[in-house]
């Protein structure tokens, strides 16, 4: 029996794109912290939002190209539903990433500033 293919499976690709962008942003924030000899949560937040949103959009482009029968265009303006899903992924993902880094840094080095 053949497994049915998910018709609208590309929000998972958007989430994976955010994860990639957020990972790159976190690595960049730590590299900048080593050079500046202090960690900036504001810089981390800015990088995660920017690169996470870029990764989310890249995930949408890949997903829309892969699942053409969903009816979304890979490039160009986003529909309202895709925009809302992407915004929620970026918002909740940013809160999770910055909160996790803050928690781990507090466990390791004590309360901020680090």
Protein backbone atom coordinates (compact mmCIF):
# COMPACT_ATOMS: atom_id res chain seq x y z
CA UNK A 1 0.00 0.00 0.00
CA UNK A 2 1.38 3.35 -1.01
CA UNK A 3 1.77 6.05 1.63
CA UNK A 4 -0.26 9.18 0.76
CA UNK A 5 1.84 12.23 0.08
CA UNK A 6 1.19 15.30 2.21
CA UNK A 7 -0.16 18.03 -0.02
CA UNK A 8 0.93 21.01 2.07
CA UNK A 9 4.12 19.67 3.69
CA UNK A 10 6.33 22.66 3.07
CA UNK A 11 5.75 24.50 6.40
CA UNK A 12 8.12 21.87 7.79
CA UNK A 13 10.66 23.04 5.24
CA UNK A 14 10.08 26.60 6.41
CA UNK A 15 10.77 25.47 9.98
CA UNK A 16 13.95 23.69 8.88
CA UNK A 17 15.03 26.82 7.02
CA UNK A 18 14.53 28.86 10.18
CA UNK A 19 16.57 26.33 12.16
CA UNK A 20 19.43 26.65 9.69
CA UNK A 21 19.33 30.44 9.76
CA UNK A 22 19.10 30.54 13.55
CA UNK A 23 22.05 28.15 13.87
CA UNK A 24 24.14 30.36 11.62
CA UNK A 25 23.04 33.45 13.59
CA UNK A 26 23.95 31.86 16.92
CA UNK A 27 27.38 30.85 15.66
CA UNK A 28 27.95 34.37 14.32
CA UNK A 29 26.89 35.93 17.64
CA UNK A 30 29.40 33.80 19.52
CA UNK A 31 32.16 34.64 17.03
CA UNK A 32 31.38 38.34 17.45
CA UNK A 33 31.37 37.89 21.24
CA UNK A 34 34.86 36.42 21.19
CA UNK A 35 36.17 39.34 19.18
CA UNK A 36 34.38 41.94 21.33
CA UNK A 37 35.07 40.06 24.60
CA UNK A 38 31.44 40.37 25.69
CA UNK A 39 28.17 38.75 24.62
CA UNK A 40 25.33 40.86 23.22
CA UNK A 41 21.80 39.50 23.50
CA UNK A 42 20.56 42.36 21.36
CA UNK A 43 22.98 41.35 18.63
CA UNK A 44 21.87 37.73 18.97
CA UNK A 45 18.22 38.76 18.69
CA UNK A 46 18.89 40.88 15.60
CA UNK A 47 20.85 38.11 13.90
CA UNK A 48 18.31 35.39 14.72
CA UNK A 49 15.40 37.47 13.42
CA UNK A 50 17.20 38.43 10.21
CA UNK A 51 18.82 35.12 9.33
CA UNK A 52 15.88 33.11 10.66
CA UNK A 53 13.47 35.03 8.44
CA UNK A 54 15.80 34.54 5.48
CA UNK A 55 15.97 30.81 6.20
CA UNK A 56 12.18 30.63 6.57
CA UNK A 57 11.73 32.29 3.19
CA UNK A 58 14.29 29.94 1.64
CA UNK A 59 12.34 27.01 3.08
CA UNK A 60 9.15 28.42 1.53
CA UNK A 61 10.83 28.79 -1.85
CA UNK A 62 12.10 25.20 -1.76
CA UNK A 63 8.77 23.86 -0.51
CA UNK A 64 6.69 25.78 -3.02
CA UNK A 65 8.92 24.60 -5.85
CA UNK A 66 8.73 21.01 -4.62
CA UNK A 67 4.96 20.95 -3.98
CA UNK A 68 3.68 22.78 -7.07
CA UNK A 69 0.20 21.30 -6.64
CA UNK A 70 -0.26 23.39 -3.47
CA UNK A 71 -0.72 26.45 -5.68
CA UNK A 72 1.94 28.75 -4.17
CA UNK A 73 4.50 30.62 -6.23
CA UNK A 74 8.10 29.95 -5.16
CA UNK A 75 9.30 33.53 -5.71
CA UNK A 76 7.55 36.84 -5.46
CA UNK A 77 5.03 38.15 -2.98
CA UNK A 78 3.77 35.83 -0.26
CA UNK A 79 0.13 35.02 0.25
CA UNK A 80 -1.41 36.05 3.56
CA UNK A 81 -1.49 32.49 4.93
CA UNK A 82 2.15 31.79 4.07
CA UNK A 83 3.19 35.13 5.55
CA UNK A 84 1.37 34.42 8.83
CA UNK A 85 2.85 30.91 9.10
CA UNK A 86 6.33 32.30 8.43
CA UNK A 87 5.89 35.13 10.92
CA UNK A 88 4.76 32.71 13.64
CA UNK A 89 7.74 30.44 12.95
CA UNK A 90 10.15 33.39 13.18
CA UNK A 91 8.52 34.86 16.30
CA UNK A 92 8.26 31.64 18.31
CA UNK A 93 11.61 30.37 17.05
CA UNK A 94 13.37 33.59 18.02
CA UNK A 95 11.86 33.47 21.51
CA UNK A 96 12.98 29.84 21.86
CA UNK A 97 16.53 30.42 20.59
CA UNK A 98 17.24 33.58 22.58
CA UNK A 99 15.61 32.10 25.70
CA UNK A 100 17.64 28.91 25.41
CA UNK A 101 20.91 30.80 24.94
CA UNK A 102 20.06 33.05 27.89
CA UNK A 103 19.28 30.02 30.06
CA UNK A 104 22.45 28.14 29.14
CA UNK A 105 24.66 31.21 29.55
CA UNK A 106 23.09 31.92 32.94
CA UNK A 107 23.77 28.35 34.06
CA UNK A 108 27.37 28.54 32.90
CA UNK A 109 28.40 32.10 33.79
CA UNK A 110 25.76 33.30 36.24
CA UNK A 111 23.33 36.15 35.78
CA UNK A 112 23.84 38.64 32.92
CA UNK A 113 25.76 40.67 31.81
CA UNK A 114 28.12 38.12 30.31
